[in-house]
Amino acid sequence: MASNPLTSHVLDTATGKPAVGIPVTLSKFENDVWRQISRKWAFQDTANRLRWTGWKSDIIEEFTPSKYKLTFETLAYYEGRGEKTFYPYIDVIFEIERSEEHYHVPILLSAYGYSTYRGS
């Protein structure tokens, strides 16, 4: 198991800076339903990456091959800036095939669009 099995970050492409303070929920797909594992707020470390390891100790046991969903509540971020957004939240669904690898799921965000990819 990787010491930090999952990280993420959100970059506001309009400002070129991290989008700090977005609530992010991690869920796991089990028995045909999404079960919430953890919830954090971006960002948690000096590299502006959201890390789950150490925040909630049972994530390591939870992080097994399966489908996962990160829900980024972007509405709170834009409301805090006094701006509107077309996407009040973003769900990113991905599949973990090997739990011993590190997975990084970044978001490039603007008020009217976003993109994601598997990072390193």
N, C-alpha and C. Protein backbone atom coordinates (compact mmCIF):
# COMPACT_ATOMS: atom_id res chain seq x y z
N MET A 1 0.84 -1.18 0.00
CA MET A 1 0.00 0.00 0.00
C MET A 1 0.88 1.23 0.00
N ALA A 2 0.57 2.16 -0.86
CA ALA A 2 1.29 3.43 -0.90
C ALA A 2 1.02 4.19 0.40
N SER A 3 2.03 4.94 0.88
CA SER A 3 1.83 5.68 2.14
C SER A 3 0.78 6.78 1.98
N ASN A 4 0.66 7.36 0.81
CA ASN A 4 -0.39 8.32 0.49
C ASN A 4 -1.10 7.79 -0.74
N PRO A 5 -2.05 6.89 -0.57
CA PRO A 5 -2.63 6.21 -1.74
C PRO A 5 -3.41 7.11 -2.68
N LEU A 6 -3.95 8.23 -2.17
CA LEU A 6 -4.78 9.08 -3.00
C LEU A 6 -4.54 10.54 -2.65
N THR A 7 -4.29 11.35 -3.68
CA THR A 7 -4.18 12.79 -3.51
C THR A 7 -4.97 13.47 -4.61
N SER A 8 -5.23 14.74 -4.40
CA SER A 8 -5.94 15.52 -5.40
C SER A 8 -5.56 16.98 -5.21
N HIS A 9 -5.82 17.78 -6.20
CA HIS A 9 -5.72 19.22 -6.05
C HIS A 9 -6.66 19.87 -7.06
N VAL A 10 -7.01 21.11 -6.79
CA VAL A 10 -7.88 21.86 -7.69
C VAL A 10 -7.17 23.16 -8.02
N LEU A 11 -6.95 23.39 -9.30
CA LEU A 11 -6.32 24.62 -9.75
C LEU A 11 -7.39 25.49 -10.43
N ASP A 12 -7.55 26.70 -9.93
CA ASP A 12 -8.47 27.66 -10.54
C ASP A 12 -7.74 28.25 -11.74
N THR A 13 -8.16 27.90 -12.94
CA THR A 13 -7.45 28.33 -14.14
C THR A 13 -7.63 29.83 -14.42
N ALA A 14 -8.64 30.45 -13.82
CA ALA A 14 -8.83 31.89 -14.01
C ALA A 14 -7.80 32.70 -13.22
N THR A 15 -7.39 32.17 -12.06
CA THR A 15 -6.42 32.87 -11.23
C THR A 15 -5.03 32.28 -11.32
N GLY A 16 -4.95 31.02 -11.78
CA GLY A 16 -3.66 30.32 -11.83
C GLY A 16 -3.20 29.86 -10.45
N LYS A 17 -4.11 29.83 -9.49
CA LYS A 17 -3.78 29.46 -8.11
C LYS A 17 -4.66 28.32 -7.63
N PRO A 18 -4.24 27.62 -6.58
CA PRO A 18 -5.09 26.57 -6.01
C PRO A 18 -6.42 27.13 -5.54
N ALA A 19 -7.47 26.36 -5.75
CA ALA A 19 -8.80 26.72 -5.28
C ALA A 19 -8.94 26.18 -3.85
N VAL A 20 -8.63 27.01 -2.89
CA VAL A 20 -8.58 26.60 -1.49
C VAL A 20 -9.97 26.60 -0.88
N GLY A 21 -10.26 25.59 -0.06
CA GLY A 21 -11.49 25.56 0.72
C GLY A 21 -12.64 24.80 0.09
N ILE A 22 -12.42 24.06 -0.98
CA ILE A 22 -13.50 23.29 -1.59
C ILE A 22 -13.72 22.01 -0.78
N PRO A 23 -14.93 21.77 -0.29
CA PRO A 23 -15.21 20.50 0.37
C PRO A 23 -15.12 19.36 -0.66
N VAL A 24 -14.45 18.28 -0.27
CA VAL A 24 -14.26 17.13 -1.16
C VAL A 24 -14.63 15.87 -0.39
N THR A 25 -15.48 15.06 -0.99
CA THR A 25 -15.90 13.81 -0.38
C THR A 25 -15.38 12.64 -1.21
N LEU A 26 -14.85 11.64 -0.52
CA LEU A 26 -14.41 10.40 -1.16
C LEU A 26 -15.43 9.32 -0.84
N SER A 27 -15.95 8.66 -1.89
CA SER A 27 -16.91 7.58 -1.72
C SER A 27 -16.43 6.35 -2.47
N LYS A 28 -16.88 5.19 -2.00
CA LYS A 28 -16.51 3.90 -2.60
C LYS A 28 -17.80 3.21 -3.05
N PHE A 29 -17.76 2.58 -4.23
CA PHE A 29 -18.93 1.88 -4.77
C PHE A 29 -18.94 0.45 -4.25
N GLU A 30 -19.95 0.14 -3.44
CA GLU A 30 -20.09 -1.20 -2.86
C GLU A 30 -21.55 -1.61 -2.87
N ASN A 31 -21.79 -2.83 -3.27
CA ASN A 31 -23.16 -3.37 -3.27
C ASN A 31 -24.13 -2.45 -3.99
N ASP A 32 -23.70 -1.92 -5.14
CA ASP A 32 -24.52 -1.07 -5.99
C ASP A 32 -24.89 0.28 -5.39
N VAL A 33 -24.17 0.73 -4.36
CA VAL A 33 -24.41 2.06 -3.79
C VAL A 33 -23.06 2.73 -3.48
N TRP A 34 -23.08 4.07 -3.44
CA TRP A 34 -21.91 4.84 -3.05
C TRP A 34 -21.92 5.01 -1.54
N ARG A 35 -20.81 4.65 -0.90
CA ARG A 35 -20.67 4.80 0.56
C ARG A 35 -19.55 5.81 0.84
N GLN A 36 -19.89 6.86 1.58
CA GLN A 36 -18.90 7.89 1.90
C GLN A 36 -17.83 7.31 2.83
N ILE A 37 -16.57 7.54 2.46
CA ILE A 37 -15.44 7.09 3.27
C ILE A 37 -14.85 8.25 4.06
N SER A 38 -14.71 9.39 3.40
CA SER A 38 -13.99 10.49 4.02
C SER A 38 -14.43 11.82 3.41
N ARG A 39 -14.19 12.89 4.16
CA ARG A 39 -14.50 14.24 3.66
C ARG A 39 -13.41 15.18 4.15
N LYS A 40 -12.91 16.00 3.25
CA LYS A 40 -11.86 16.96 3.58
C LYS A 40 -12.14 18.27 2.86
N TRP A 41 -11.31 19.24 3.16
CA TRP A 41 -11.38 20.53 2.46
C TRP A 41 -10.02 20.77 1.81
N ALA A 42 -10.03 21.17 0.56
CA ALA A 42 -8.78 21.45 -0.15
C ALA A 42 -8.24 22.75 0.41
N PHE A 43 -7.07 22.86 0.80
CA PHE A 43 -5.91 21.99 0.69
C PHE A 43 -5.33 21.71 2.06
N GLN A 44 -4.63 20.61 2.16
CA GLN A 44 -4.20 20.15 3.47
C GLN A 44 -2.69 20.15 3.66
N ASP A 45 -1.87 20.33 2.64
CA ASP A 45 -0.43 20.29 2.84
C ASP A 45 0.27 21.40 2.08
N THR A 46 1.57 21.50 2.28
CA THR A 46 2.33 22.60 1.69
C THR A 46 2.47 22.47 0.18
N ALA A 47 2.24 21.29 -0.37
CA ALA A 47 2.30 21.11 -1.83
C ALA A 47 0.93 21.38 -2.46
N ASN A 48 -0.02 21.90 -1.67
CA ASN A 48 -1.38 22.17 -2.14
C ASN A 48 -2.08 20.92 -2.65
N ARG A 49 -1.80 19.81 -2.02
CA ARG A 49 -2.47 18.56 -2.38
C ARG A 49 -3.32 18.08 -1.22
N LEU A 50 -4.46 17.56 -1.56
CA LEU A 50 -5.38 16.99 -0.60
C LEU A 50 -4.96 15.55 -0.37
N ARG A 51 -4.64 15.17 0.84
CA ARG A 51 -4.19 13.81 1.14
C ARG A 51 -5.16 13.17 2.13
N TRP A 52 -5.42 11.91 1.95
CA TRP A 52 -6.30 11.21 2.87
C TRP A 52 -5.54 10.45 3.94
N THR A 53 -4.39 9.90 3.64
CA THR A 53 -3.65 9.12 4.62
C THR A 53 -3.33 9.98 5.83
N GLY A 54 -3.58 9.46 7.01
CA GLY A 54 -3.28 10.18 8.24
C GLY A 54 -4.45 11.01 8.74
N TRP A 55 -5.36 11.39 7.86
CA TRP A 55 -6.51 12.17 8.30
C TRP A 55 -7.56 11.27 8.91
N LYS A 56 -7.78 10.16 8.26
CA LYS A 56 -8.70 9.17 8.79
C LYS A 56 -8.02 7.82 8.63
N SER A 57 -7.63 7.21 9.71
CA SER A 57 -6.75 6.05 9.66
C SER A 57 -7.33 4.87 8.90
N ASP A 58 -8.65 4.74 8.83
CA ASP A 58 -9.20 3.56 8.17
C ASP A 58 -9.23 3.67 6.65
N ILE A 59 -8.79 4.79 6.07
CA ILE A 59 -8.79 4.86 4.61
C ILE A 59 -7.86 3.83 4.00
N ILE A 60 -6.75 3.52 4.67
CA ILE A 60 -5.80 2.55 4.12
C ILE A 60 -6.50 1.20 3.96
N GLU A 61 -7.25 0.78 4.97
CA GLU A 61 -7.98 -0.49 4.87
C GLU A 61 -9.10 -0.41 3.83
N GLU A 62 -9.68 0.77 3.68
CA GLU A 62 -10.78 0.97 2.72
C GLU A 62 -10.28 1.00 1.28
N PHE A 63 -9.04 1.38 1.08
CA PHE A 63 -8.52 1.63 -0.26
C PHE A 63 -8.09 0.33 -0.92
N THR A 64 -9.05 -0.37 -1.46
CA THR A 64 -8.84 -1.65 -2.14
C THR A 64 -9.33 -1.52 -3.58
N PRO A 65 -8.97 -2.45 -4.46
CA PRO A 65 -9.47 -2.34 -5.83
C PRO A 65 -10.99 -2.22 -5.87
N SER A 66 -11.46 -1.15 -6.49
CA SER A 66 -12.89 -0.86 -6.56
C SER A 66 -13.09 0.40 -7.38
N LYS A 67 -14.35 0.84 -7.49
CA LYS A 67 -14.68 2.14 -8.09
C LYS A 67 -14.81 3.15 -6.96
N TYR A 68 -14.31 4.37 -7.22
CA TYR A 68 -14.35 5.45 -6.24
C TYR A 68 -14.90 6.71 -6.89
N LYS A 69 -15.37 7.61 -6.04
CA LYS A 69 -15.88 8.89 -6.53
C LYS A 69 -15.37 10.00 -5.62
N LEU A 70 -14.82 11.02 -6.25
CA LEU A 70 -14.48 12.25 -5.55
C LEU A 70 -15.53 13.28 -5.93
N THR A 71 -16.18 13.87 -4.96
CA THR A 71 -17.16 14.92 -5.19
C THR A 71 -16.58 16.24 -4.69
N PHE A 72 -16.36 17.15 -5.63
CA PHE A 72 -15.82 18.47 -5.34
C PHE A 72 -16.99 19.45 -5.29
N GLU A 73 -17.26 20.06 -4.14
CA GLU A 73 -18.39 20.98 -3.98
C GLU A 73 -17.93 22.39 -4.35
N THR A 74 -17.91 22.66 -5.63
CA THR A 74 -17.35 23.91 -6.15
C THR A 74 -18.23 25.13 -5.89
N LEU A 75 -19.52 24.93 -5.66
CA LEU A 75 -20.41 26.06 -5.39
C LEU A 75 -19.93 26.86 -4.19
N ALA A 76 -19.50 26.19 -3.14
CA ALA A 76 -19.03 26.88 -1.93
C ALA A 76 -17.83 27.78 -2.26
N TYR A 77 -16.94 27.29 -3.11
CA TYR A 77 -15.76 28.07 -3.50
C TYR A 77 -16.17 29.34 -4.24
N TYR A 78 -17.05 29.20 -5.22
CA TYR A 78 -17.46 30.36 -6.01
C TYR A 78 -18.33 31.33 -5.22
N GLU A 79 -19.20 30.81 -4.38
CA GLU A 79 -20.00 31.71 -3.53
C GLU A 79 -19.10 32.52 -2.62
N GLY A 80 -18.05 31.91 -2.10
CA GLY A 80 -17.09 32.60 -1.25
C GLY A 80 -16.35 33.71 -1.99
N ARG A 81 -16.26 33.60 -3.30
CA ARG A 81 -15.60 34.62 -4.12
C ARG A 81 -16.60 35.63 -4.69
N GLY A 82 -17.90 35.41 -4.39
CA GLY A 82 -18.92 36.30 -4.92
C GLY A 82 -19.15 36.11 -6.41
N GLU A 83 -18.90 34.89 -6.89
CA GLU A 83 -19.05 34.58 -8.31
C GLU A 83 -20.07 33.47 -8.51
N LYS A 84 -20.53 33.34 -9.74
CA LYS A 84 -21.44 32.26 -10.11
C LYS A 84 -20.66 31.16 -10.81
N THR A 85 -21.22 29.97 -10.78
CA THR A 85 -20.63 28.84 -11.49
C THR A 85 -21.73 28.00 -12.11
N PHE A 86 -21.42 27.39 -13.22
CA PHE A 86 -22.36 26.50 -13.89
C PHE A 86 -22.37 25.12 -13.24
N TYR A 87 -21.27 24.75 -12.59
CA TYR A 87 -21.12 23.43 -11.98
C TYR A 87 -21.08 23.55 -10.45
N PRO A 88 -22.20 23.32 -9.76
CA PRO A 88 -22.21 23.45 -8.30
C PRO A 88 -21.37 22.35 -7.63
N TYR A 89 -21.20 21.24 -8.29
CA TYR A 89 -20.30 20.20 -7.81
C TYR A 89 -19.80 19.41 -9.01
N ILE A 90 -18.69 18.72 -8.78
CA ILE A 90 -18.09 17.89 -9.82
C ILE A 90 -17.87 16.50 -9.23
N ASP A 91 -18.41 15.49 -9.88
CA ASP A 91 -18.15 14.10 -9.50
C ASP A 91 -17.12 13.53 -10.46
N VAL A 92 -16.05 12.98 -9.91
CA VAL A 92 -15.04 12.30 -10.71
C VAL A 92 -15.03 10.85 -10.25
N ILE A 93 -15.42 9.97 -11.15
CA ILE A 93 -15.48 8.55 -10.84
C ILE A 93 -14.30 7.86 -11.52
N PHE A 94 -13.59 7.04 -10.75
CA PHE A 94 -12.41 6.36 -11.27
C PHE A 94 -12.32 4.97 -10.64
N GLU A 95 -11.50 4.12 -11.24
CA GLU A 95 -11.37 2.76 -10.77
C GLU A 95 -9.94 2.48 -10.35
N ILE A 96 -9.78 1.90 -9.17
CA ILE A 96 -8.48 1.49 -8.65
C ILE A 96 -8.33 0.01 -8.93
N GLU A 97 -7.29 -0.32 -9.65
CA GLU A 97 -7.05 -1.74 -9.95
C GLU A 97 -5.97 -2.33 -9.05
N ARG A 98 -5.03 -1.47 -8.62
CA ARG A 98 -3.92 -1.94 -7.78
C ARG A 98 -3.79 -1.00 -6.59
N SER A 99 -4.17 -1.46 -5.43
CA SER A 99 -4.19 -0.59 -4.25
C SER A 99 -2.80 -0.20 -3.76
N GLU A 100 -1.74 -0.87 -4.24
CA GLU A 100 -0.40 -0.51 -3.79
C GLU A 100 0.18 0.67 -4.56
N GLU A 101 -0.51 1.16 -5.58
CA GLU A 101 -0.05 2.32 -6.33
C GLU A 101 -0.57 3.61 -5.70
N HIS A 102 0.06 4.72 -6.09
CA HIS A 102 -0.41 6.05 -5.71
C HIS A 102 -1.29 6.59 -6.83
N TYR A 103 -2.41 7.21 -6.47
CA TYR A 103 -3.33 7.80 -7.44
C TYR A 103 -3.49 9.28 -7.14
N HIS A 104 -3.35 10.10 -8.18
CA HIS A 104 -3.53 11.54 -8.04
C HIS A 104 -4.59 11.97 -9.04
N VAL A 105 -5.64 12.63 -8.55
CA VAL A 105 -6.78 13.02 -9.37
C VAL A 105 -6.96 14.54 -9.28
N PRO A 106 -6.32 15.28 -10.18
CA PRO A 106 -6.43 16.75 -10.15
C PRO A 106 -7.62 17.27 -10.94
N ILE A 107 -8.02 18.49 -10.60
CA ILE A 107 -9.08 19.19 -11.31
C ILE A 107 -8.52 20.54 -11.78
N LEU A 108 -8.74 20.86 -13.04
CA LEU A 108 -8.49 22.20 -13.57
C LEU A 108 -9.87 22.83 -13.68
N LEU A 109 -10.09 23.92 -12.95
CA LEU A 109 -11.42 24.46 -12.74
C LEU A 109 -11.56 25.89 -13.25
N SER A 110 -12.70 26.16 -13.88
CA SER A 110 -13.13 27.52 -14.13
C SER A 110 -14.63 27.55 -13.82
N ALA A 111 -15.22 28.74 -13.81
CA ALA A 111 -16.63 28.85 -13.44
C ALA A 111 -17.56 28.12 -14.40
N TYR A 112 -17.12 27.95 -15.64
CA TYR A 112 -17.99 27.34 -16.64
C TYR A 112 -17.38 26.14 -17.34
N GLY A 113 -16.39 25.52 -16.70
CA GLY A 113 -15.80 24.32 -17.26
C GLY A 113 -14.79 23.72 -16.30
N TYR A 114 -14.44 22.47 -16.55
CA TYR A 114 -13.42 21.80 -15.76
C TYR A 114 -12.87 20.63 -16.57
N SER A 115 -11.69 20.18 -16.17
CA SER A 115 -11.12 18.97 -16.74
C SER A 115 -10.37 18.23 -15.64
N THR A 116 -10.15 16.95 -15.88
CA THR A 116 -9.46 16.11 -14.92
C THR A 116 -8.64 15.08 -15.68
N TYR A 117 -7.71 14.47 -14.99
CA TYR A 117 -6.85 13.45 -15.60
C TYR A 117 -6.20 12.68 -14.46
N ARG A 118 -5.57 11.55 -14.79
CA ARG A 118 -4.81 10.84 -13.77
C ARG A 118 -3.42 11.46 -13.74
N GLY A 119 -3.10 12.07 -12.63
CA GLY A 119 -1.81 12.72 -12.47
C GLY A 119 -0.81 11.79 -11.81
N SER A 120 0.29 12.36 -11.40
CA SER A 120 1.33 11.56 -10.76
C SER A 120 1.66 12.11 -9.39
